[in-house]
Protein backbone atom coordinates (compact mmCIF):
# COMPACT_ATOMS: atom_id res chain seq x y z
CA MET A 1 -36.85 -4.43 -63.43
CA THR A 2 -37.66 -6.28 -60.22
CA HIS A 3 -40.31 -8.69 -60.81
CA MET A 4 -43.31 -8.34 -58.82
CA PRO A 5 -46.10 -10.67 -58.10
CA GLY A 6 -49.45 -10.96 -60.42
CA ALA A 7 -52.36 -9.96 -59.59
CA ALA A 8 -53.72 -13.59 -59.42
CA GLN A 9 -51.01 -13.78 -56.53
CA PHE A 10 -52.69 -10.84 -54.47
CA SER A 11 -56.43 -11.10 -55.69
CA ALA A 12 -56.98 -13.71 -52.49
CA ALA A 13 -55.96 -10.86 -49.98
CA ALA A 14 -58.90 -8.47 -51.35
CA PRO A 15 -61.45 -7.47 -48.45
CA ALA A 16 -64.75 -9.32 -48.43
CA ALA A 17 -66.05 -5.81 -48.96
CA LEU A 18 -64.75 -5.33 -52.31
CA ALA A 19 -65.73 -8.92 -53.36
CA ARG A 20 -68.70 -7.59 -55.38
CA LEU A 21 -66.41 -5.31 -57.45
CA GLY A 22 -64.94 -8.79 -58.89
CA ALA A 23 -61.01 -9.58 -59.04
CA PRO A 24 -58.63 -6.31 -58.93
CA MET A 25 -57.06 -5.87 -62.17
CA GLY A 26 -53.76 -4.84 -60.71
CA MET A 27 -51.80 -2.95 -57.83
CA VAL A 28 -49.56 0.00 -57.35
CA PHE A 29 -45.77 -0.83 -56.55
CA GLN A 30 -44.52 2.93 -56.53
CA VAL A 31 -45.74 6.24 -55.19
CA ALA A 32 -44.21 9.33 -56.04
CA GLY A 33 -46.44 12.68 -55.56
CA SER A 34 -48.50 13.08 -58.50
CA SER A 35 -47.25 10.72 -60.46
CA SER A 36 -46.93 7.11 -59.44
CA LYS A 37 -46.48 3.52 -61.05
CA ILE A 38 -48.92 0.66 -61.23
CA MET A 39 -48.89 -2.71 -62.60
CA ILE A 40 -51.70 -4.25 -64.44
CA ASP A 41 -52.56 -8.22 -64.76
CA ALA A 42 -52.82 -8.50 -68.76
CA LEU A 43 -54.94 -11.50 -68.49
CA ARG A 44 -57.56 -9.52 -66.11
CA GLN A 45 -57.35 -6.68 -68.24
CA GLN A 46 -58.36 -8.82 -71.49
CA GLU A 47 -61.09 -10.12 -69.47
CA LEU A 48 -62.39 -6.67 -68.66
CA ALA A 49 -61.94 -5.87 -72.39
CA LEU A 50 -65.27 -7.96 -73.09
CA ASP A 51 -67.32 -6.07 -70.61
CA ALA A 52 -70.69 -4.37 -71.82
CA ASP A 53 -69.87 -1.05 -69.95
CA ALA A 54 -67.60 1.13 -72.29
CA SER A 55 -65.75 2.44 -69.51
CA ILE A 56 -64.54 -0.90 -67.75
CA ALA A 57 -64.13 -2.10 -71.33
CA MET A 58 -61.25 0.42 -71.80
CA ALA A 59 -59.79 0.20 -68.25
CA GLY A 60 -56.25 -0.33 -68.50
CA GLN A 61 -55.35 1.50 -71.65
CA VAL A 62 -53.91 5.02 -71.88
CA GLY A 63 -56.29 7.81 -71.14
CA SER A 64 -58.64 5.46 -69.24
CA GLN A 65 -58.95 5.87 -65.30
CA ILE A 66 -58.74 3.43 -62.52
CA LYS A 67 -59.39 3.44 -58.85
CA MET A 68 -58.09 2.18 -55.59
CA ARG A 69 -59.54 2.03 -52.21
CA VAL A 70 -57.49 4.36 -49.73
CA GLY A 71 -59.14 4.45 -46.11
CA GLY A 72 -62.86 4.97 -46.96
CA SER A 73 -62.59 6.58 -50.17
CA TRP A 74 -61.61 5.96 -53.79
CA LEU A 75 -58.66 7.57 -55.10
CA ILE A 76 -59.21 8.18 -59.22
CA ALA A 77 -55.96 8.10 -61.44
CA ASN A 78 -55.55 8.65 -65.05
CA ILE A 79 -53.22 6.57 -66.95
CA ARG A 80 -50.40 7.97 -68.89
CA ALA A 81 -48.07 5.64 -70.38
CA MET A 82 -47.60 2.05 -70.45
CA ALA A 83 -45.00 -0.43 -70.81
CA LEU A 84 -44.53 -4.26 -70.75
CA ASP A 85 -42.69 -6.20 -67.69
CA ARG A 86 -39.88 -7.70 -69.26
CA ASP A 87 -39.42 -10.25 -66.70
CA ASN A 88 -42.91 -10.98 -66.66
CA PRO A 89 -45.09 -10.64 -69.98
CA GLN A 90 -48.58 -11.29 -68.18
CA GLN A 91 -47.80 -7.95 -66.09
CA VAL A 92 -47.98 -4.30 -67.74
CA ILE A 93 -46.07 -1.44 -65.74
CA ALA A 94 -48.18 1.97 -66.25
CA ASP A 95 -47.73 5.64 -65.03
CA ILE A 96 -50.44 7.01 -63.46
CA ASP A 97 -51.38 10.66 -62.51
CA PHE A 98 -53.78 11.31 -59.37
CA LEU A 99 -57.24 13.27 -60.48
CA GLY A 100 -59.02 13.22 -57.18
CA GLU A 101 -60.67 11.12 -54.91
CA GLY A 102 -64.61 10.39 -53.82
CA ASP A 103 -66.74 8.80 -51.11
CA GLU A 104 -67.35 5.02 -51.45
CA GLU A 105 -71.08 4.24 -51.59
CA LYS A 106 -71.31 1.04 -49.46
CA LEU A 107 -74.28 -0.44 -51.01
CA THR A 108 -72.77 -0.90 -54.46
CA GLY A 109 -68.88 0.21 -53.96
CA ARG A 110 -69.20 2.73 -56.36
CA ILE A 111 -67.89 6.41 -56.21
CA HIS A 112 -69.93 9.13 -55.08
CA ARG A 113 -69.17 13.10 -54.10
CA PHE A 114 -66.00 13.28 -56.18
CA ARG A 115 -63.65 16.27 -55.56
CA ARG A 116 -60.50 17.31 -56.95
CA GLY A 117 -57.20 16.64 -55.17
CA VAL A 118 -55.50 13.98 -52.91
CA THR A 119 -55.75 13.93 -48.93
CA CYS A 120 -54.14 10.63 -48.59
CA TYR A 121 -51.91 8.64 -51.10
CA PRO A 122 -52.12 4.61 -51.39
CA VAL A 123 -49.23 2.67 -50.38
CA PRO A 124 -47.59 0.03 -52.33
CA GLY A 125 -49.55 -3.03 -52.57
CA THR A 126 -53.05 -1.31 -52.95
CA GLU A 127 -55.35 -3.11 -55.32
CA LEU A 128 -56.74 -1.47 -58.71
CA TYR A 129 -60.28 -1.68 -59.99
CA PRO A 130 -61.70 -0.28 -63.10
CA VAL A 131 -63.78 2.64 -63.12
CA SER A 132 -67.36 1.91 -64.35
CA SER A 133 -69.79 4.15 -66.46
CA LYS A 134 -71.59 5.24 -63.40
CA ASP A 135 -68.51 5.96 -61.43
CA MET A 136 -67.69 8.44 -64.38
CA ASP A 137 -71.16 9.97 -64.11
CA GLN A 138 -70.11 10.79 -60.36
CA ILE A 139 -66.62 11.73 -61.19
CA TYR A 140 -67.89 14.21 -64.16
CA ALA A 141 -71.00 15.13 -62.79
CA ALA A 142 -71.23 18.93 -62.77
CA ASP A 143 -71.68 20.95 -59.28
CA ASP A 144 -74.23 23.45 -58.75
CA ARG A 145 -71.61 26.45 -60.08
CA PRO A 146 -73.09 27.58 -63.65
CA HIS A 147 -72.00 25.65 -66.27
CA VAL A 148 -72.54 24.49 -69.92
CA GLN A 149 -72.60 21.07 -71.23
CA ILE A 150 -70.68 20.71 -74.48
CA GLY A 151 -70.38 16.85 -75.12
CA THR A 152 -70.06 13.09 -73.90
CA VAL A 153 -66.55 12.10 -71.79
CA TYR A 154 -64.62 9.64 -73.75
CA PRO A 155 -65.17 6.53 -73.50
CA THR A 156 -68.87 6.89 -72.54
CA SER A 157 -71.84 7.54 -74.60
CA SER A 158 -74.03 8.99 -71.73
CA THR A 159 -71.51 10.83 -69.01
CA ARG A 160 -71.83 14.28 -69.85
CA ALA A 161 -68.92 16.90 -70.14
CA ALA A 162 -69.48 20.55 -68.40
CA LEU A 163 -67.55 23.59 -68.59
CA TYR A 164 -67.78 26.02 -65.64
CA VAL A 165 -68.45 29.19 -67.18
CA ASP A 166 -66.83 31.47 -64.21
CA SER A 167 -63.87 29.75 -63.72
CA MET A 168 -63.33 29.11 -67.38
CA LEU A 169 -63.90 33.16 -68.43
CA GLY A 170 -62.28 34.26 -64.95
CA LYS A 171 -58.93 33.21 -65.99
CA HIS A 172 -58.87 33.28 -69.93
CA PHE A 173 -59.20 30.20 -72.49
CA ALA A 174 -57.63 28.63 -75.27
CA LEU A 175 -59.26 26.63 -78.20
CA LEU A 176 -56.46 25.01 -80.16
CA GLY A 177 -56.56 22.40 -83.09
CA SER A 178 -54.99 21.91 -86.42
CA THR A 179 -56.92 22.86 -89.71
CA GLY A 180 -59.72 20.37 -90.23
CA THR A 181 -60.05 19.12 -87.03
CA GLY A 182 -63.56 20.80 -86.22
CA LYS A 183 -61.86 24.06 -84.51
CA SER A 184 -64.26 26.77 -85.79
CA THR A 185 -67.62 24.54 -85.04
CA SER A 186 -66.20 23.68 -81.72
CA ALA A 187 -65.76 27.35 -80.81
CA ALA A 188 -69.45 28.09 -82.26
CA LEU A 189 -70.69 25.36 -80.03
CA ILE A 190 -68.94 26.76 -76.68
CA LEU A 191 -70.24 30.22 -77.66
CA HIS A 192 -73.71 29.30 -78.26
CA ARG A 193 -73.94 27.32 -75.11
CA ILE A 194 -72.45 30.45 -73.07
CA CYS A 195 -75.07 32.77 -74.96
CA ASP A 196 -77.74 30.33 -74.27
CA LEU A 197 -77.11 30.60 -70.56
CA SER A 198 -76.77 34.51 -70.43
CA PRO A 199 -78.38 35.95 -73.23
CA GLN A 200 -77.58 39.65 -71.58
CA GLY A 201 -73.85 38.76 -71.80
CA HIS A 202 -70.97 40.77 -73.39
CA ILE A 203 -68.87 39.32 -76.09
CA VAL A 204 -66.94 40.59 -78.95
CA MET A 205 -65.44 38.15 -81.54
CA ILE A 206 -62.67 38.93 -83.95
CA ASP A 207 -63.60 36.96 -87.18
CA PRO A 208 -60.76 37.21 -89.85
CA HIS A 209 -62.64 34.72 -92.27
CA GLY A 210 -66.22 35.92 -92.32
CA GLU A 211 -67.11 32.48 -91.12
CA TYR A 212 -68.88 33.02 -87.91
CA GLY A 213 -71.75 35.52 -88.94
CA ALA A 214 -73.97 32.95 -90.34
CA ALA A 215 -73.50 31.09 -87.28
CA PHE A 216 -74.82 33.97 -84.87
CA ASP A 217 -77.14 36.06 -86.81
CA GLN A 218 -80.03 34.76 -84.83
CA ASN A 219 -78.65 35.72 -81.22
CA GLY A 220 -75.65 37.95 -82.18
CA ALA A 221 -74.97 41.38 -84.33
CA VAL A 222 -72.42 41.21 -87.31
CA PHE A 223 -70.11 44.22 -88.44
CA ASP A 224 -68.09 44.64 -91.31
CA VAL A 225 -66.70 46.66 -93.51
CA ASN A 226 -70.15 47.91 -94.93
CA ASN A 227 -71.47 48.83 -91.15
CA LEU A 228 -68.87 48.87 -88.76
CA ALA A 229 -68.40 52.58 -89.03
CA LEU A 230 -65.34 52.65 -86.83
CA PRO A 231 -64.21 56.26 -86.18
CA TYR A 232 -60.53 56.82 -86.85
CA TRP A 233 -59.79 59.43 -83.66
CA LEU A 234 -60.52 56.29 -81.43
CA MET A 235 -56.92 55.27 -82.43
CA ASN A 236 -53.98 56.06 -79.79
CA PHE A 237 -51.10 57.54 -80.53
CA GLU A 238 -49.34 54.44 -81.31
CA GLU A 239 -52.06 53.10 -83.53
CA HIS A 240 -51.92 56.55 -85.42
CA CYS A 241 -48.15 55.50 -85.99
CA GLU A 242 -48.66 52.21 -87.32
CA VAL A 243 -51.36 53.73 -89.84
CA PHE A 244 -49.58 56.96 -90.74
CA VAL A 245 -46.01 56.46 -90.36
CA THR A 246 -44.20 54.27 -93.35
CA SER A 247 -40.54 55.48 -92.49
CA GLU A 248 -38.09 53.07 -90.52
CA GLY A 249 -35.04 53.28 -88.24
CA ALA A 250 -34.07 57.13 -87.18
CA GLU A 251 -36.30 58.76 -89.77
CA ARG A 252 -39.45 57.05 -87.85
CA THR A 253 -38.72 58.42 -84.75
CA GLN A 254 -38.56 61.88 -86.33
CA ASP A 255 -41.94 61.46 -88.31
CA CYS A 256 -43.61 59.95 -84.89
CA ASP A 257 -42.51 63.30 -83.01
CA ILE A 258 -43.71 65.44 -85.68
CA LEU A 259 -47.07 63.45 -85.74
CA ALA A 260 -47.55 63.61 -81.92
CA LYS A 261 -46.95 67.23 -81.79
CA CYS A 262 -49.59 68.08 -84.78
CA LEU A 263 -52.15 65.28 -83.73
CA LEU A 264 -52.26 66.86 -80.30
CA ALA A 265 -53.00 70.38 -81.92
CA ALA A 266 -55.65 68.90 -84.25
CA ARG A 267 -57.49 67.34 -81.13
CA SER A 268 -57.10 70.58 -79.22
CA LYS A 269 -59.38 71.99 -81.76
CA ASN A 270 -62.46 70.22 -80.55
CA ARG A 271 -64.38 71.89 -78.05
CA LEU A 272 -64.64 68.77 -76.40
CA ALA A 273 -60.97 69.54 -75.64
CA GLU A 274 -61.68 72.65 -73.50
CA GLN A 275 -63.80 70.55 -71.26
CA ILE A 276 -60.63 68.55 -70.46
CA GLY A 277 -57.83 69.52 -68.10
CA ARG A 278 -54.94 67.42 -69.46
CA LEU A 279 -55.26 66.63 -73.14
CA THR A 280 -52.84 63.95 -74.53
CA VAL A 281 -52.39 62.63 -77.91
CA ASP A 282 -54.19 59.19 -76.41
CA SER A 283 -57.23 60.97 -75.65
CA PRO A 284 -60.36 59.89 -77.79
CA ILE A 285 -61.32 63.68 -78.94
CA PRO A 286 -62.65 63.88 -82.55
CA TYR A 287 -60.85 65.66 -85.08
CA LEU A 288 -60.65 66.35 -88.55
CA LEU A 289 -58.27 64.49 -90.89
CA SER A 290 -58.21 67.88 -92.79
CA ASP A 291 -57.15 69.90 -89.89
CA LEU A 292 -54.03 67.35 -89.44
CA THR A 293 -52.92 67.98 -93.07
CA ASN A 294 -53.47 71.70 -92.50
CA ILE A 295 -51.23 71.80 -89.53
CA LEU A 296 -48.64 69.75 -91.07
CA GLN A 297 -48.53 71.97 -93.87
CA ASN A 298 -48.54 75.02 -91.68
CA GLU A 299 -45.59 73.32 -89.63
CA MET A 300 -43.80 72.47 -92.64
CA GLY A 301 -44.00 76.43 -93.85
CA LYS A 302 -42.25 77.49 -90.75
CA LEU A 303 -39.36 75.33 -91.32
CA ASP A 304 -35.85 77.45 -91.91
CA LYS A 305 -34.26 76.82 -95.69
CA GLY A 306 -32.01 74.60 -94.34
CA THR A 307 -34.67 72.39 -92.66
CA ASN A 308 -35.67 69.12 -94.10
CA SER A 309 -39.24 69.05 -95.17
CA LEU A 310 -39.52 65.58 -96.00
CA PRO A 311 -41.05 64.21 -92.92
CA TYR A 312 -43.86 66.39 -92.83
CA MET A 313 -44.45 65.76 -96.89
CA ARG A 314 -44.26 61.83 -96.03
CA LEU A 315 -47.06 62.22 -93.21
CA LYS A 316 -49.28 64.50 -95.21
CA THR A 317 -49.00 62.27 -98.39
CA LYS A 318 -49.88 58.98 -96.31
CA ILE A 319 -52.77 60.72 -94.86
CA ASP A 320 -54.49 62.13 -98.24
CA GLU A 321 -53.71 58.65 -99.80
CA ILE A 322 -55.52 56.90 -96.93
CA LYS A 323 -58.42 59.81 -97.12
CA ALA A 324 -58.95 58.91 -100.55
CA ASP A 325 -58.61 55.04 -100.60
CA PRO A 326 -62.49 53.86 -100.71
CA ARG A 327 -61.18 50.58 -98.95
CA TYR A 328 -60.52 52.65 -95.66
CA SER A 329 -64.01 54.03 -95.82
CA PHE A 330 -65.12 52.24 -92.85
CA MET A 331 -62.45 53.81 -90.74
CA PHE A 332 -61.36 57.29 -92.50
CA SER A 333 -64.66 58.30 -93.79
CA GLY A 334 -65.48 62.29 -93.41
CA MET A 335 -68.77 61.13 -91.91
CA LEU A 336 -66.93 59.71 -88.95
CA VAL A 337 -66.06 62.81 -87.55
CA ALA A 338 -68.98 63.39 -85.14
CA ASP A 339 -68.58 62.14 -81.51
CA THR A 340 -70.26 59.10 -81.75
CA MET A 341 -67.96 57.02 -79.37
CA GLN A 342 -71.13 56.24 -76.57
CA ASP A 343 -73.21 54.83 -79.73
CA PHE A 344 -69.99 52.93 -81.07
CA LEU A 345 -69.29 51.18 -77.61
CA ALA A 346 -72.96 50.40 -76.69
CA LYS A 347 -73.37 48.53 -80.29
CA ILE A 348 -69.61 46.61 -80.26
CA PHE A 349 -70.12 45.68 -76.51
CA ARG A 350 -73.85 44.89 -76.43
CA LEU A 351 -74.65 47.54 -73.87
CA PRO A 352 -77.57 46.47 -73.84
CA SER A 353 -77.70 43.43 -75.29
CA ASN A 354 -81.29 42.83 -75.93
CA GLY A 355 -80.73 39.16 -76.02
CA LYS A 356 -78.16 39.12 -78.41
CA PRO A 357 -74.99 38.96 -76.55
CA ILE A 358 -72.49 38.27 -78.96
CA SER A 359 -70.72 40.69 -81.79
CA ILE A 360 -69.04 39.26 -84.39
CA ILE A 361 -66.33 41.74 -86.17
CA ASP A 362 -65.90 40.57 -89.70
CA VAL A 363 -62.31 41.66 -90.83
CA SER A 364 -61.89 39.44 -93.83
CA ALA A 365 -62.73 42.57 -96.11
CA MET A 366 -60.75 44.96 -94.57
CA PRO A 367 -56.90 45.84 -96.47
CA SER A 368 -54.75 43.61 -94.82
CA GLU A 369 -52.47 46.23 -93.89
CA ILE A 370 -54.67 47.62 -91.34
CA THR A 371 -56.44 44.73 -90.08
CA SER A 372 -54.12 44.33 -87.00
CA THR A 373 -54.92 48.04 -86.16
CA VAL A 374 -58.47 47.46 -86.36
CA VAL A 375 -58.28 44.36 -83.69
CA SER A 376 -55.77 46.55 -81.68
CA VAL A 377 -58.04 49.50 -81.44
CA LEU A 378 -61.34 46.86 -80.68
CA SER A 379 -59.48 45.07 -78.07
CA ARG A 380 -57.91 48.42 -76.33
CA LEU A 381 -61.14 49.89 -76.55
CA VAL A 382 -62.36 46.79 -74.71
CA PHE A 383 -59.62 47.12 -71.95
CA ASP A 384 -59.94 50.87 -71.31
CA TYR A 385 -63.73 50.52 -71.33
CA ALA A 386 -63.11 47.92 -68.20
CA ILE A 387 -60.36 50.54 -66.56
CA TRP A 388 -62.42 53.41 -66.71
CA SER A 389 -65.85 52.09 -65.52
CA ARG A 390 -64.23 50.61 -62.60
CA ASN A 391 -66.43 52.46 -60.08
CA GLU A 392 -69.86 51.46 -62.23
CA PRO A 393 -72.16 48.38 -62.12
CA GLN A 394 -69.71 45.75 -63.51
CA ARG A 395 -70.31 44.97 -67.16
CA PRO A 396 -67.57 41.96 -67.82
CA ILE A 397 -66.61 41.54 -71.29
CA LEU A 398 -65.23 38.48 -73.28
CA LEU A 399 -62.96 38.98 -76.02
CA VAL A 400 -62.52 36.24 -78.49
CA CYS A 401 -59.61 35.99 -81.13
CA GLU A 402 -59.77 33.60 -84.05
CA GLU A 403 -56.45 32.94 -85.62
CA ALA A 404 -54.72 34.65 -82.30
CA HIS A 405 -51.29 33.70 -83.63
CA ARG A 406 -51.86 36.49 -86.09
CA TYR A 407 -52.26 39.12 -83.22
CA ILE A 408 -49.83 37.60 -80.44
CA PRO A 409 -47.06 36.64 -82.77
CA ASN A 410 -43.72 35.52 -80.86
CA THR A 411 -41.82 38.24 -82.56
CA THR A 412 -41.40 41.45 -81.36
CA THR A 413 -40.28 43.11 -84.14
CA GLY A 414 -42.09 43.95 -87.47
CA SER A 415 -45.50 45.68 -87.59
CA GLY A 416 -48.66 44.97 -85.50
CA GLN A 417 -47.11 45.74 -82.21
CA ALA A 418 -49.81 47.73 -80.86
CA VAL A 419 -52.37 44.81 -80.90
CA ARG A 420 -49.67 42.40 -79.73
CA LYS A 421 -49.11 44.59 -76.59
CA ILE A 422 -52.47 45.12 -75.58
CA LEU A 423 -53.62 41.39 -76.13
CA GLU A 424 -50.50 40.51 -73.81
CA ARG A 425 -51.61 42.98 -71.45
CA ILE A 426 -55.11 41.69 -71.12
CA ALA A 427 -53.76 38.27 -70.73
CA LYS A 428 -52.00 39.41 -67.78
CA GLU A 429 -54.08 41.90 -66.35
CA GLY A 430 -57.78 41.68 -67.71
CA ARG A 431 -59.14 39.22 -65.05
CA LYS A 432 -58.27 42.03 -62.40
CA TYR A 433 -61.16 44.46 -64.76
CA GLY A 434 -63.58 42.00 -65.54
CA VAL A 435 -62.14 41.55 -69.10
CA SER A 436 -61.67 37.51 -70.22
CA LEU A 437 -59.60 36.55 -73.16
CA GLY A 438 -60.58 33.48 -75.59
CA LEU A 439 -57.49 32.48 -77.95
CA ILE A 440 -58.33 30.67 -80.97
CA THR A 441 -55.28 29.38 -82.65
CA GLN A 442 -53.99 26.26 -84.77
CA ARG A 443 -50.52 27.26 -84.29
CA PRO A 444 -49.71 27.73 -80.50
CA SER A 445 -46.36 27.59 -80.88
CA ASP A 446 -46.51 30.83 -82.71
CA LEU A 447 -47.98 32.56 -79.96
CA ALA A 448 -46.12 35.03 -77.71
CA GLU A 449 -44.18 33.35 -75.02
CA GLY A 450 -46.13 33.04 -71.79
CA VAL A 451 -49.68 34.03 -73.10
CA LEU A 452 -50.78 30.68 -73.28
CA SER A 453 -49.80 29.84 -69.58
CA GLN A 454 -52.00 32.76 -68.56
CA CYS A 455 -54.87 30.68 -70.00
CA GLY A 456 -56.20 29.10 -67.16
CA THR A 457 -58.48 26.75 -69.40
CA ILE A 458 -57.05 24.76 -72.59
CA ILE A 459 -59.05 23.19 -74.88
CA SER A 460 -57.06 21.12 -77.20
CA MET A 461 -58.16 19.30 -80.50
CA ARG A 462 -55.76 17.29 -82.51
CA LEU A 463 -52.20 19.17 -83.23
CA ASN A 464 -50.20 17.44 -85.84
CA ASN A 465 -46.95 19.74 -85.23
CA ASP A 466 -44.57 18.38 -82.86
CA ARG A 467 -43.57 21.97 -81.84
CA ASP A 468 -47.25 22.88 -81.41
CA GLN A 469 -47.84 19.71 -79.06
CA ALA A 470 -44.68 20.50 -76.99
CA PHE A 471 -45.86 23.92 -76.62
CA VAL A 472 -49.11 23.16 -75.29
CA LYS A 473 -47.91 20.44 -72.91
CA ALA A 474 -45.15 23.13 -71.27
CA ALA A 475 -48.04 25.34 -70.65
CA MET A 476 -50.18 22.80 -68.74
CA PRO A 477 -49.97 21.43 -65.18
CA GLU A 478 -48.11 18.23 -64.58
CA GLY A 479 -51.21 16.20 -63.71
CA ALA A 480 -52.60 17.02 -67.17
CA ARG A 481 -49.55 15.77 -68.99
CA GLY A 482 -51.34 11.95 -69.54
CA PHE A 483 -54.48 13.78 -71.28
CA LEU A 484 -52.00 15.80 -73.32
CA ASP A 485 -50.27 12.84 -74.47
CA SER A 486 -53.20 11.55 -76.52
CA ILE A 487 -53.66 14.75 -78.60
CA PRO A 488 -52.11 13.64 -81.74
CA ALA A 489 -54.48 10.72 -81.74
CA LEU A 490 -57.57 12.62 -81.30
CA ARG A 491 -60.68 12.17 -83.92
CA ASN A 492 -62.14 14.72 -85.48
CA ARG A 493 -64.55 17.19 -82.80
CA GLU A 494 -62.53 15.36 -79.82
CA ALA A 495 -60.71 17.47 -77.49
CA ILE A 496 -58.91 17.56 -74.26
CA VAL A 497 -59.81 20.26 -71.55
CA CYS A 498 -57.77 20.89 -68.89
CA GLY A 499 -57.66 23.42 -66.25
CA GLU A 500 -60.02 26.03 -64.20
CA GLY A 501 -63.35 25.13 -66.28
CA VAL A 502 -63.52 21.75 -65.64
CA ALA A 503 -63.31 19.56 -62.12
CA VAL A 504 -60.76 17.52 -63.73
CA PRO A 505 -59.28 16.93 -67.19
CA ILE A 506 -61.40 15.32 -69.71
CA ARG A 507 -61.37 13.96 -72.91
CA VAL A 508 -64.55 14.72 -74.68
CA ALA A 509 -66.72 14.14 -77.79
CA LEU A 510 -68.08 17.29 -78.81
CA ASP A 511 -71.63 17.48 -79.47
CA ASN A 512 -73.28 18.06 -83.15
CA LEU A 513 -74.36 21.72 -83.84
CA GLU A 514 -77.38 22.57 -85.66
CA GLU A 515 -76.82 23.34 -89.35
CA SER A 516 -78.33 27.00 -88.74
CA ARG A 517 -75.51 27.68 -85.87
CA ARG A 518 -72.33 26.46 -87.60
CA PRO A 519 -69.98 28.79 -89.14
CA ALA A 520 -69.53 28.38 -92.58
CA SER A 521 -66.03 26.81 -92.42
CA GLY A 522 -66.71 23.66 -94.49
CA ASP A 523 -64.11 22.30 -96.83
CA PRO A 524 -65.36 21.99 -100.44
CA SER A 525 -65.98 18.60 -101.91
CA PHE A 526 -63.84 18.91 -105.16
CA THR A 527 -65.16 15.36 -106.54
CA HIS A 528 -68.83 16.51 -106.02
CA LEU A 529 -68.25 20.33 -107.47
CA TRP A 530 -65.84 19.37 -110.41
CA ARG A 531 -68.92 17.24 -111.62
CA GLN A 532 -70.92 20.29 -112.08
CA ALA A 533 -70.87 23.04 -114.78
CA GLY A 534 -72.64 25.84 -116.22
CA GLY A 535 -73.22 29.27 -115.57
CA GLU A 536 -69.51 30.03 -115.15
CA SER A 537 -69.85 33.52 -117.20
CA ASP A 538 -72.44 34.66 -114.18
CA ILE A 539 -70.27 33.62 -111.60
CA LEU A 540 -67.15 35.31 -113.04
CA ASP A 541 -69.44 38.58 -113.67
CA ARG A 542 -70.47 39.17 -110.26
CA THR A 543 -67.29 37.79 -108.75
CA ILE A 544 -65.32 40.62 -110.75
CA THR A 545 -67.91 43.17 -109.68
CA ARG A 546 -67.52 42.74 -106.32
CA TRP A 547 -63.68 42.53 -106.93
CA ARG A 548 -63.49 45.62 -108.34
CA ASN A 549 -65.88 47.29 -105.60
CA GLN A 550 -63.60 45.73 -103.06
CA GLY A 551 -66.78 44.88 -101.36
CA ARG A 552 -68.51 41.34 -100.64
């Protein structure tokens, strides 16, 4: 590496107008678009580390910001990587990413009116200065767009971090983080702030662990196997096949063809079918399960002696089995035959919300083999409602999927493909129709390819897995890479936020959430709980009763 002059050698050339800022901490020596190289004087950096201002004390470290004067403006950059100059140990070479620019306040030399993007790049030799907490306030100050505050910008203790709600929801968002990093509490914090800002909103959240109900019992509605009452006839043909068809290969194709014919006949028995010009197997028209099994029985009776009746028997047996299984009663009860579509959509989509804008769909107690179908039905109803209500006053809906890697896996084979297809479609087309998707996952690398890149805002907490880290970095724009490099070093309840929902990429320490608004996701204290004894017989008695009743 070519030897470059130290800061002490060029600080004398600093303009008098900059004298109030103190000696520069280094200079630019290579400019290459969004990513350039700077040189930092190590001795000056050590002086700044003693400053009482936390931002200035952090100056010159990875993840911190520096500023440089270009014309009448300050250019702001983020330090991405650092290395010692082998020719001069008193100098540090660093890679930077430009964030944006702001006007210079003449009296103090501080930044004001910060804006994203760069109009004029620096030239080699431009001097560098640390960014103060006052500068940070200007850089991260929220403008007049609707926003929610979620925490403080690292490393300050007072600069507030804001999420722009319309930009974040308009292009989807993802919340990522390994288990134990505070992901569930952070999700609850963001959703609570959005609910407080928009009490007449419409949010549907899929909760696979039953942990969010307690957090939103005051400003939301909680639905589980006891009160969801999801009518089975709302399933489309593909979802019917996932539930009723158990065969594979060529036999599956044959069974699906038979089911399509008989399902259409069962739907056509409803008087609502007479009012529809073109009835299809996907039309959400109520039908009786007994009608479907009778039609299967009749069709089987019409067969010639040499024709195989096994497909009809397979379908009829599976339908009868589901009808008789009490675990499926929340969906396949005989009480769910009436046309309750309007009432069901009204309660799930919060239309009207009556000050409780979020629906928590607790799928934890549902049979695992049907959970993906339930999520598929609910997700598709959100999307179909948005499509068919295009000529009505718009009511945008936010669909939030916890443990999203379960429902949008990166495999295109196996069960659960209906939910994968609809969530992928929402990710690609939802914003055109007013449907926003929020994905929460601990394994972003297990998501279907391309889904994460459809999310305009990524909120990443600590990720311990190298493959997950690489996956997230690949989905983000070049300018945010420096922030994403610090993902493995984040503390609990810290996050990197990049994309449309923030003015510039930020590292944020998330606010504490009130105890009553937190999800029930705390880790048990083994050392504390293992000191307690007594009442085990009653615990077992109550647990076994719930276990046998298949209810919570």
